[in-house]
Protein backbone atom coordinates (compact mmCIF):
# COMPACT_ATOMS: atom_id res chain seq x y z
CA MET A 1 67.47 117.26 105.12
CA GLU A 2 68.62 120.82 106.69
CA GLU A 3 69.13 118.75 109.90
CA GLN A 4 71.20 116.01 108.48
CA GLU A 5 73.41 119.06 106.91
CA ASN A 6 73.69 120.80 110.48
CA GLU A 7 74.19 117.49 112.12
CA THR A 8 76.90 116.94 109.55
CA MET A 9 78.83 119.82 109.43
CA ASN A 10 78.84 120.01 113.34
CA THR A 11 81.14 116.72 113.85
CA GLY A 12 84.18 117.63 111.87
CA SER A 13 83.71 115.41 108.80
CA THR A 14 85.72 115.95 106.20
CA ASP A 15 83.91 113.61 103.57
CA GLY A 16 80.45 114.88 104.48
CA THR A 17 79.16 111.23 105.62
CA THR A 18 77.21 111.05 108.92
CA PRO A 19 79.55 109.80 111.76
CA LYS A 20 78.15 106.43 112.99
CA ILE A 21 78.66 102.56 113.26
CA THR A 22 77.79 100.69 110.03
CA GLY A 23 78.56 97.33 111.17
CA MET A 24 79.89 94.61 112.87
CA GLY A 25 83.96 94.23 112.47
CA GLY A 26 84.86 91.30 114.89
CA ILE A 27 84.03 89.72 117.85
CA PHE A 28 86.97 89.23 120.24
CA PHE A 29 86.81 86.80 123.70
CA TYR A 30 89.23 85.69 126.37
CA SER A 31 90.29 82.05 126.12
CA ASP A 32 92.25 79.84 128.22
CA ASP A 33 93.88 78.28 125.53
CA PRO A 34 93.54 80.47 122.26
CA LYS A 35 95.05 77.91 120.37
CA GLN A 36 93.16 74.93 120.98
CA THR A 37 89.90 76.92 120.72
CA LYS A 38 90.64 77.90 117.26
CA GLU A 39 91.89 74.05 116.39
CA TRP A 40 88.53 73.23 118.08
CA TYR A 41 86.29 75.72 115.80
CA ALA A 42 88.55 74.54 112.85
CA LYS A 43 87.70 70.94 113.39
CA HIS A 44 84.11 70.97 114.52
CA LEU A 45 82.60 74.15 112.73
CA GLY A 46 84.61 74.58 109.64
CA LEU A 47 86.47 78.11 110.24
CA GLU A 48 89.59 78.85 108.39
CA ILE A 49 92.09 80.65 110.50
CA ASN A 50 93.73 83.44 108.54
CA ASP A 51 97.92 84.89 108.57
CA TRP A 52 96.89 87.00 111.58
CA GLY A 53 95.27 83.77 114.00
CA ALA A 54 91.90 85.16 113.28
CA CYS A 55 89.00 83.74 111.35
CA SER A 56 87.43 85.96 108.69
CA PHE A 57 84.07 86.55 107.59
CA ASP A 58 83.55 88.07 104.25
CA SER A 59 79.82 89.67 103.08
CA ARG A 60 78.68 92.04 100.82
CA ASN A 61 76.81 95.34 101.28
CA LEU A 62 73.33 95.13 100.36
CA ASN A 63 73.23 98.84 99.26
CA ASN A 64 76.36 98.73 97.23
CA PRO A 65 77.18 94.96 96.40
CA ASP A 66 80.68 95.99 94.87
CA GLU A 67 81.96 96.91 98.43
CA ILE A 68 82.57 93.49 100.73
CA ASN A 69 82.75 93.64 104.44
CA THR A 70 84.72 91.69 106.74
CA LEU A 71 84.17 90.44 110.30
CA GLN A 72 86.85 89.33 112.52
CA TRP A 73 86.43 86.16 115.02
CA SER A 74 89.59 85.89 117.44
CA PRO A 75 90.03 84.56 120.98
CA PHE A 76 92.70 85.95 123.32
CA LYS A 77 94.76 84.51 125.96
CA LYS A 78 92.93 85.18 129.29
CA SER A 79 96.48 86.82 130.38
CA SER A 80 96.24 89.23 127.82
CA ASP A 81 95.75 93.33 128.39
CA HIS A 82 94.24 93.37 125.36
CA PHE A 83 90.71 94.36 126.76
CA ALA A 84 91.71 96.54 129.48
CA PRO A 85 90.96 98.67 131.13
CA SER A 86 87.40 96.74 130.67
CA LYS A 87 87.24 93.57 133.23
CA LYS A 88 84.97 91.74 130.81
CA GLU A 89 85.99 88.76 128.39
CA PHE A 90 85.01 90.21 125.48
CA MET A 91 85.60 93.22 123.04
CA ILE A 92 83.17 93.76 120.05
CA ASN A 93 84.62 95.63 116.76
CA TYR A 94 82.26 98.31 115.10
CA THR A 95 82.92 99.28 111.49
CA VAL A 96 82.40 103.16 111.52
CA GLN A 97 81.98 106.12 108.47
CA ASN A 98 83.77 109.17 109.43
CA LEU A 99 85.84 107.88 112.42
CA GLU A 100 87.49 111.22 112.96
CA GLY A 101 83.58 113.24 113.30
CA LEU A 102 82.46 110.02 115.57
CA VAL A 103 85.34 110.38 117.99
CA ASN A 104 84.78 114.49 118.04
CA LYS A 105 81.11 113.73 118.75
CA LEU A 106 81.84 111.37 121.53
CA ARG A 107 84.60 113.53 123.39
CA GLU A 108 81.55 116.31 123.19
CA SER A 109 78.99 113.94 125.09
CA GLY A 110 81.87 112.75 127.90
CA VAL A 111 82.42 109.25 126.48
CA THR A 112 86.07 107.34 127.91
CA ILE A 113 88.17 107.86 125.01
CA VAL A 114 91.00 105.13 125.81
CA ASP A 115 93.66 105.64 123.33
CA ASP A 116 95.03 107.76 120.16
CA MET A 117 93.85 106.98 116.62
CA GLU A 118 95.75 104.59 114.88
CA THR A 119 96.10 104.26 111.21
CA TYR A 120 97.19 101.26 109.21
CA ASP A 121 96.78 99.95 105.63
CA PHE A 122 93.67 98.68 106.39
CA GLY A 123 91.95 101.33 108.09
CA LYS A 124 91.96 103.52 111.33
CA PHE A 125 91.31 102.45 114.79
CA ILE A 126 90.35 103.71 118.09
CA HIS A 127 89.01 102.21 121.44
CA ILE A 128 86.21 103.57 123.67
CA MET A 129 84.45 102.82 126.67
CA ASP A 130 80.48 102.21 126.62
CA SER A 131 78.50 102.98 129.44
CA GLU A 132 79.06 99.38 130.72
CA GLY A 133 82.63 99.10 131.03
CA ASN A 134 83.10 97.51 127.73
CA LYS A 135 86.09 98.38 125.65
CA ILE A 136 84.77 99.20 122.21
CA GLU A 137 87.01 99.23 119.07
CA LEU A 138 85.81 101.43 116.45
CA TRP A 139 87.26 100.72 112.93
CA GLU A 140 86.98 102.78 110.02
CA PRO A 141 87.84 100.60 106.81
CA LYS A 142 90.07 101.91 103.94
């Protein structure tokens, strides 16, 4: 317990939670024709595309059944630079708790932080690069 408290205290936690990934928030990939791809998935696999042009999959947190988590699925046009500086054809979004503390830990470890943290009505976001050159999106939902 003392080790856990020290770990939390040394990460800049403002809410007492250990900075870490808690789940998947989204899967994003390049497509030659995102509109056609979405239509194909809707027609053949029943995906419902939302107002943001993605498909949302909702699930409940097993440890807190009142909490509903959402995973976003969305194709992007290949000419998009949304995944830059990564050269990969996909980007994964992970949900996290204590994003600020996690970013502090990542910076201390020398992980590349791609941009500044942004806050929206639905949470905070930042992008990092993993050791394989994949751009990773970190999201702390509200």
